[in-house]
Amino acid sequence: LVEFKHTHMRMTDAEKTAEWRALDRKYASKVVNILESLQGMYTKYGQIASGMTNTFSTIWIEELRKLEDRVPPRPKEVVMQTILEETGRPASETFAYFEDEPLGSASIGQVHRATLRSDGSQVAVKVQY
C-alpha cells in the first residue's frame, strides 16, 4: 500500500519520508520485542542487524541496539538442565556452590559464579543455550 501511494499519488519526498518513519515507529519495537522473546540466535541476529546503519533507519537501529544489553537470563531450571545434558551429571556433583543469579547474560548464553567441589576453586561457568 505504501509503495502504491508513493508511486501513483502525488506525494512530496518529505511526505514519503514521514510515512516510512511512521511505519518504522509502528513496527520496530514490536519486532525487537519478538526477537528478544525468541531469544538465542534470533536475538543474535537482531544484535548483528543493529550494526547495519547503512541499511536500517535510525529508528530501527535504536530499537535493535536494545538487544545488546537487555537480554534476560534463562531460569535456573534451564541452566541446571543444560549442565546435566552437557556433562552427564547434575551441577551439584561438580560444584559445591553455584550462584543462581548470573553475572551476565547474552543472546546465546550466560555466566554464573561457582565453586568446584573437587578443590574449592572459584570459577566462572558459561552456560550456552
Protein backbone atom coordinates (compact mmCIF):
# COMPACT_ATOMS: atom_id res chain seq x y z
CA LEU A 1 0.00 0.00 0.00
CA VAL A 2 2.77 2.43 0.87
CA GLU A 3 4.61 1.66 -2.36
CA PHE A 4 1.39 2.19 -4.33
CA LYS A 5 0.82 5.55 -2.66
CA HIS A 6 4.39 6.63 -3.35
CA THR A 7 4.21 5.53 -6.97
CA HIS A 8 0.71 6.61 -8.00
CA MET A 9 -0.14 9.53 -5.76
CA ARG A 10 1.46 12.91 -5.77
CA MET A 11 3.48 12.97 -2.58
CA THR A 12 6.46 15.10 -1.79
CA ASP A 13 9.71 13.45 -0.73
CA ALA A 14 9.12 14.82 2.77
CA GLU A 15 5.68 13.21 2.90
CA LYS A 16 7.10 9.89 1.71
CA THR A 17 9.87 10.01 4.30
CA ALA A 18 7.37 10.86 7.05
CA GLU A 19 5.21 7.92 6.07
CA TRP A 20 8.14 5.48 6.13
CA ARG A 21 9.24 6.85 9.53
CA ALA A 22 5.73 6.33 10.89
CA LEU A 23 5.84 2.70 9.78
CA ASP A 24 9.28 2.28 11.33
CA ARG A 25 7.99 3.67 14.65
CA LYS A 26 4.95 1.41 14.47
CA TYR A 27 6.81 -1.86 13.85
CA ALA A 28 10.42 -1.59 15.04
CA SER A 29 9.77 -2.02 18.77
CA LYS A 30 7.26 -4.83 18.15
CA VAL A 31 9.73 -6.78 16.03
CA VAL A 32 12.57 -6.24 18.52
CA ASN A 33 10.35 -7.46 21.38
CA ILE A 34 9.59 -10.61 19.38
CA LEU A 35 13.31 -11.19 18.71
CA GLU A 36 14.01 -10.75 22.42
CA SER A 37 11.27 -13.20 23.43
CA LEU A 38 12.51 -15.82 20.95
CA GLN A 39 16.00 -15.50 22.50
CA GLY A 40 19.10 -17.31 21.30
CA MET A 41 20.07 -16.87 17.69
CA TYR A 42 17.10 -14.59 16.96
CA THR A 43 18.44 -12.11 19.49
CA LYS A 44 21.91 -12.55 17.98
CA TYR A 45 20.52 -11.74 14.51
CA GLY A 46 18.98 -8.57 15.91
CA GLN A 47 22.29 -7.61 17.53
CA ILE A 48 24.06 -8.08 14.20
CA ALA A 49 21.41 -6.00 12.43
CA SER A 50 21.92 -3.18 14.94
CA GLY A 51 25.29 -2.54 13.33
CA MET A 52 23.83 -2.24 9.85
CA THR A 53 23.46 1.53 10.00
CA ASN A 54 23.69 1.82 6.23
CA THR A 55 20.67 -0.48 5.80
CA PHE A 56 18.18 0.34 8.55
CA SER A 57 16.75 3.67 9.64
CA THR A 58 17.85 5.25 12.91
CA ILE A 59 14.52 4.22 14.43
CA TRP A 60 15.27 0.55 13.74
CA ILE A 61 18.89 0.87 14.87
CA GLU A 62 17.86 2.44 18.19
CA GLU A 63 15.40 -0.39 18.83
CA LEU A 64 17.77 -3.16 17.71
CA ARG A 65 20.53 -1.83 19.96
CA LYS A 66 18.33 -2.58 22.96
CA LEU A 67 19.10 -6.25 22.27
CA GLU A 68 22.77 -5.62 23.02
CA ASP A 69 22.25 -5.02 26.73
CA ARG A 70 18.73 -6.15 27.54
CA VAL A 71 18.91 -9.92 27.24
CA PRO A 72 17.04 -11.60 30.11
CA PRO A 73 18.73 -14.59 31.75
CA ARG A 74 17.27 -18.06 31.44
CA PRO A 75 15.68 -19.57 34.56
CA LYS A 76 17.81 -21.62 36.97
CA GLU A 77 15.98 -24.81 35.95
CA VAL A 78 17.01 -24.36 32.32
CA VAL A 79 20.62 -23.74 33.35
CA MET A 80 20.74 -26.81 35.58
CA GLN A 81 19.16 -28.97 32.87
CA THR A 82 21.71 -27.71 30.33
CA ILE A 83 24.59 -28.58 32.67
CA LEU A 84 23.13 -32.06 33.22
CA GLU A 85 22.71 -32.65 29.48
CA GLU A 86 26.19 -31.40 28.61
CA THR A 87 28.17 -33.08 31.42
CA GLY A 88 26.04 -36.12 32.12
CA ARG A 89 25.75 -35.27 35.81
CA PRO A 90 23.92 -32.77 37.99
CA ALA A 91 25.64 -29.49 38.80
CA SER A 92 25.68 -30.44 42.47
CA GLU A 93 28.21 -33.21 41.74
CA THR A 94 30.66 -30.78 40.13
CA PHE A 95 30.04 -27.60 42.11
CA ALA A 96 29.96 -27.10 45.87
CA TYR A 97 28.31 -23.74 45.22
CA PHE A 98 26.54 -22.42 42.13
CA GLU A 99 25.16 -18.89 42.17
CA ASP A 100 21.57 -18.71 40.96
CA GLU A 101 21.84 -15.18 39.56
CA PRO A 102 24.12 -14.96 36.52
CA LEU A 103 26.97 -12.48 36.42
CA GLY A 104 25.79 -11.66 32.91
CA SER A 105 23.56 -12.94 30.18
CA ALA A 106 23.78 -12.64 26.43
CA SER A 107 21.99 -13.87 23.34
CA ILE A 108 23.45 -17.39 23.37
CA GLY A 109 24.50 -17.95 26.97
CA GLN A 110 25.05 -16.69 30.48
CA VAL A 111 27.80 -16.83 33.09
CA HIS A 112 27.46 -17.96 36.71
CA ARG A 113 29.88 -17.84 39.64
CA ALA A 114 30.57 -21.27 41.13
CA THR A 115 32.94 -23.17 43.40
CA LEU A 116 34.37 -26.50 42.29
CA ARG A 117 33.66 -29.38 44.62
CA SER A 118 36.99 -31.05 43.74
CA ASP A 119 39.41 -28.37 45.00
CA GLY A 120 37.37 -25.35 46.13
CA SER A 121 38.46 -23.17 43.22
CA GLN A 122 36.14 -20.32 42.33
CA VAL A 123 35.21 -20.44 38.66
CA ALA A 124 33.01 -18.72 36.13
CA VAL A 125 30.70 -21.17 34.37
CA LYS A 126 29.48 -20.20 30.91
CA VAL A 127 26.27 -21.98 30.02
CA GLN A 128 25.37 -21.82 26.33
CA TYR A 129 21.83 -22.34 25.13
